[in-house]
């Protein structure tokens, strides 16, 4: 949590976190709670690109980048800001875009079907932080393959490289 969210090295934060987890899991049998050998993640397998555009401009650039790909389908999106607002929670702009390439994705899933849980369809989050900066975050497919203990073979490596290139180019001014 500290590294992922840029928190300072402060023991009171860890104590508050542990107290919150203890409270949240009160009443759950201990055998039902998974214990991990470490409590940190190297980078969570996420790739984040800072956008030079505002939220609307970033969204427009990414829809254009997805639409330019002849083998890519835009499946839909989830507006977390609007959905949260309906439940009384105010979020800075945040949109999840669902898309994928059925051909390339199918080749990767043919060898590793469980990639369908995390990798296909692809998910990309456009989000604005409290300072007004806009970011785009998506999964590193090779990290997902590693997590699922499946081969990061050539089709997956090609798709991963293509995602990074396409999204980086979409944000060039």
Protein backbone atom coordinates (compact mmCIF):
# COMPACT_ATOMS: atom_id res chain seq x y z
CA UNK A 1 0.00 0.00 0.00
CA UNK A 2 2.83 2.37 0.90
CA UNK A 3 4.63 2.03 -2.45
CA UNK A 4 1.50 1.74 -4.56
CA UNK A 5 -0.04 4.93 -3.20
CA UNK A 6 3.15 6.87 -2.47
CA UNK A 7 2.61 6.93 1.29
CA UNK A 8 5.41 8.06 3.61
CA UNK A 9 7.31 5.56 5.77
CA UNK A 10 5.13 6.13 8.84
CA UNK A 11 4.41 3.38 11.37
CA UNK A 12 1.12 5.03 12.39
CA UNK A 13 -0.20 4.47 8.86
CA UNK A 14 0.57 0.73 9.16
CA UNK A 15 -1.11 0.64 12.58
CA UNK A 16 -4.21 2.40 11.24
CA UNK A 17 -4.29 0.05 8.25
CA UNK A 18 -3.98 -3.04 10.47
CA UNK A 19 -6.73 -1.72 12.78
CA UNK A 20 -9.02 -1.14 9.79
CA UNK A 21 -8.37 -4.64 8.43
CA UNK A 22 -8.99 -6.15 11.88
CA UNK A 23 -12.30 -4.28 12.13
CA UNK A 24 -13.31 -5.22 8.57
CA UNK A 25 -12.66 -8.92 9.14
CA UNK A 26 -14.21 -9.14 12.63
CA UNK A 27 -16.52 -12.12 12.79
CA UNK A 28 -14.98 -13.93 9.82
CA UNK A 29 -13.47 -17.30 10.81
CA UNK A 30 -9.67 -17.11 10.62
CA UNK A 31 -9.52 -20.21 8.39
CA UNK A 32 -11.57 -18.32 5.80
CA UNK A 33 -9.00 -15.52 5.54
CA UNK A 34 -6.09 -16.10 3.16
CA UNK A 35 -2.68 -15.32 4.63
CA UNK A 36 0.10 -14.15 2.30
CA UNK A 37 3.79 -14.69 2.94
CA UNK A 38 4.54 -11.01 2.25
CA UNK A 39 2.40 -7.91 2.44
CA UNK A 40 3.82 -6.03 -0.51
CA UNK A 41 3.55 -6.10 -4.28
CA UNK A 42 6.38 -5.07 -6.59
CA UNK A 43 4.30 -2.96 -8.99
CA UNK A 44 0.96 -4.77 -9.11
CA UNK A 45 1.46 -5.41 -12.83
CA UNK A 46 0.04 -2.05 -13.78
CA UNK A 47 1.31 0.35 -16.42
CA UNK A 48 0.40 4.01 -15.94
CA UNK A 49 0.92 6.73 -18.51
CA UNK A 50 0.45 10.40 -17.65
CA UNK A 51 -1.70 12.28 -20.14
CA UNK A 52 -0.90 15.74 -21.47
CA UNK A 53 -4.64 16.20 -22.16
CA UNK A 54 -7.60 16.92 -19.92
CA UNK A 55 -9.99 14.08 -19.10
CA UNK A 56 -12.24 14.55 -22.15
CA UNK A 57 -9.24 14.91 -24.49
CA UNK A 58 -7.65 11.76 -23.09
CA UNK A 59 -10.87 9.82 -23.55
CA UNK A 60 -11.17 11.06 -27.12
CA UNK A 61 -7.55 10.15 -27.91
CA UNK A 62 -8.00 6.62 -26.61
CA UNK A 63 -11.27 5.96 -28.40
CA UNK A 64 -9.57 7.11 -31.60
CA UNK A 65 -6.56 4.84 -30.93
CA UNK A 66 -8.83 1.84 -30.31
CA UNK A 67 -10.97 2.58 -33.38
CA UNK A 68 -7.86 2.86 -35.62
CA UNK A 69 -6.97 -0.77 -34.90
CA UNK A 70 -8.55 -2.99 -37.55
CA UNK A 71 -8.63 -6.01 -35.26
CA UNK A 72 -9.82 -4.30 -32.08
CA UNK A 73 -13.37 -4.11 -30.72
CA UNK A 74 -14.70 -1.53 -28.24
CA UNK A 75 -16.93 -3.54 -25.90
CA UNK A 76 -18.11 -0.71 -23.67
CA UNK A 77 -17.26 1.41 -20.68
CA UNK A 78 -18.10 1.92 -17.04
CA UNK A 79 -18.36 5.49 -15.73
CA UNK A 80 -17.29 4.99 -12.11
CA UNK A 81 -17.81 8.67 -11.33
CA UNK A 82 -21.48 8.65 -12.35
CA UNK A 83 -22.22 5.28 -10.76
CA UNK A 84 -20.59 6.26 -7.47
CA UNK A 85 -22.37 9.63 -7.43
CA UNK A 86 -25.69 7.77 -7.60
CA UNK A 87 -24.70 6.17 -4.27
CA UNK A 88 -23.53 9.37 -2.62
CA UNK A 89 -19.80 8.95 -3.28
CA UNK A 90 -17.95 11.75 -5.06
CA UNK A 91 -15.09 10.58 -7.27
CA UNK A 92 -12.78 12.53 -9.53
CA UNK A 93 -13.38 11.60 -13.19
CA UNK A 94 -12.77 7.88 -13.69
CA UNK A 95 -13.76 5.75 -16.68
CA UNK A 96 -13.08 2.08 -17.37
CA UNK A 97 -12.89 1.24 -21.06
CA UNK A 98 -13.40 -2.37 -22.17
CA UNK A 99 -11.87 -3.39 -25.48
CA UNK A 100 -9.96 -6.21 -27.11
CA UNK A 101 -8.66 -7.94 -30.16
CA UNK A 102 -10.57 -11.21 -30.54
CA UNK A 103 -7.95 -12.61 -32.95
CA UNK A 104 -4.77 -11.89 -30.99
CA UNK A 105 -6.54 -12.39 -27.66
CA UNK A 106 -7.96 -15.68 -28.86
CA UNK A 107 -4.49 -16.93 -29.79
CA UNK A 108 -3.19 -16.13 -26.31
CA UNK A 109 -6.23 -17.68 -24.59
CA UNK A 110 -6.02 -20.81 -26.73
CA UNK A 111 -2.82 -21.71 -24.87
CA UNK A 112 -3.89 -20.18 -21.53
CA UNK A 113 -7.69 -19.98 -21.13
CA UNK A 114 -7.56 -18.35 -17.67
CA UNK A 115 -6.15 -15.19 -19.25
CA UNK A 116 -9.79 -14.52 -20.13
CA UNK A 117 -10.36 -13.57 -16.50
CA UNK A 118 -7.93 -10.69 -16.47
CA UNK A 119 -6.56 -9.99 -19.91
CA UNK A 120 -9.32 -10.34 -22.50
CA UNK A 121 -11.24 -8.21 -22.84
CA UNK A 122 -8.64 -5.58 -22.07
CA UNK A 123 -9.40 -2.97 -19.47
CA UNK A 124 -8.03 0.55 -19.45
CA UNK A 125 -8.75 3.08 -16.70
CA UNK A 126 -8.69 6.80 -17.45
CA UNK A 127 -8.60 8.69 -14.18
CA UNK A 128 -7.99 12.16 -12.88
CA UNK A 129 -6.16 12.64 -9.58
CA UNK A 130 -7.00 15.22 -6.91
CA UNK A 131 -4.51 17.65 -8.49
CA UNK A 132 -6.33 17.55 -11.84
CA UNK A 133 -3.69 15.46 -13.64
CA UNK A 134 -5.08 12.75 -15.94
CA UNK A 135 -3.59 9.26 -16.12
CA UNK A 136 -4.22 6.08 -18.05
CA UNK A 137 -3.62 2.73 -16.35
CA UNK A 138 -3.83 -0.75 -17.85
CA UNK A 139 -2.62 -4.25 -17.09
CA UNK A 140 0.85 -5.46 -18.01
CA UNK A 141 -0.19 -8.71 -19.69
CA UNK A 142 3.11 -10.43 -18.91
CA UNK A 143 2.57 -9.70 -15.20
CA UNK A 144 -0.90 -11.23 -15.47
CA UNK A 145 0.54 -14.32 -17.16
CA UNK A 146 3.13 -14.59 -14.40
CA UNK A 147 0.44 -14.21 -11.71
CA UNK A 148 -1.65 -16.93 -13.33
CA UNK A 149 1.44 -19.07 -13.93
CA UNK A 150 0.79 -19.35 -17.65
CA UNK A 151 3.22 -18.90 -20.50
CA UNK A 152 3.99 -15.37 -21.59
CA UNK A 153 4.46 -16.71 -25.11
CA UNK A 154 4.89 -14.79 -28.33
CA UNK A 155 1.22 -13.83 -28.90
CA UNK A 156 0.99 -12.33 -25.42
CA UNK A 157 4.31 -10.52 -25.77
CA UNK A 158 3.22 -9.03 -29.10
CA UNK A 159 -0.10 -7.84 -27.65
CA UNK A 160 1.63 -6.38 -24.59
CA UNK A 161 4.14 -4.49 -26.73
CA UNK A 162 1.39 -3.26 -29.03
CA UNK A 163 -0.67 -1.94 -26.08
CA UNK A 164 2.23 0.06 -24.70
CA UNK A 165 3.10 1.48 -28.13
CA UNK A 166 -0.50 2.32 -29.12
CA UNK A 167 -1.36 3.98 -25.82
CA UNK A 168 1.88 5.93 -25.60
CA UNK A 169 1.43 7.21 -29.14
CA UNK A 170 -2.19 8.17 -28.42
CA UNK A 171 -0.94 10.61 -25.80
CA UNK A 172 1.71 12.30 -27.92
CA UNK A 173 0.86 15.88 -28.73
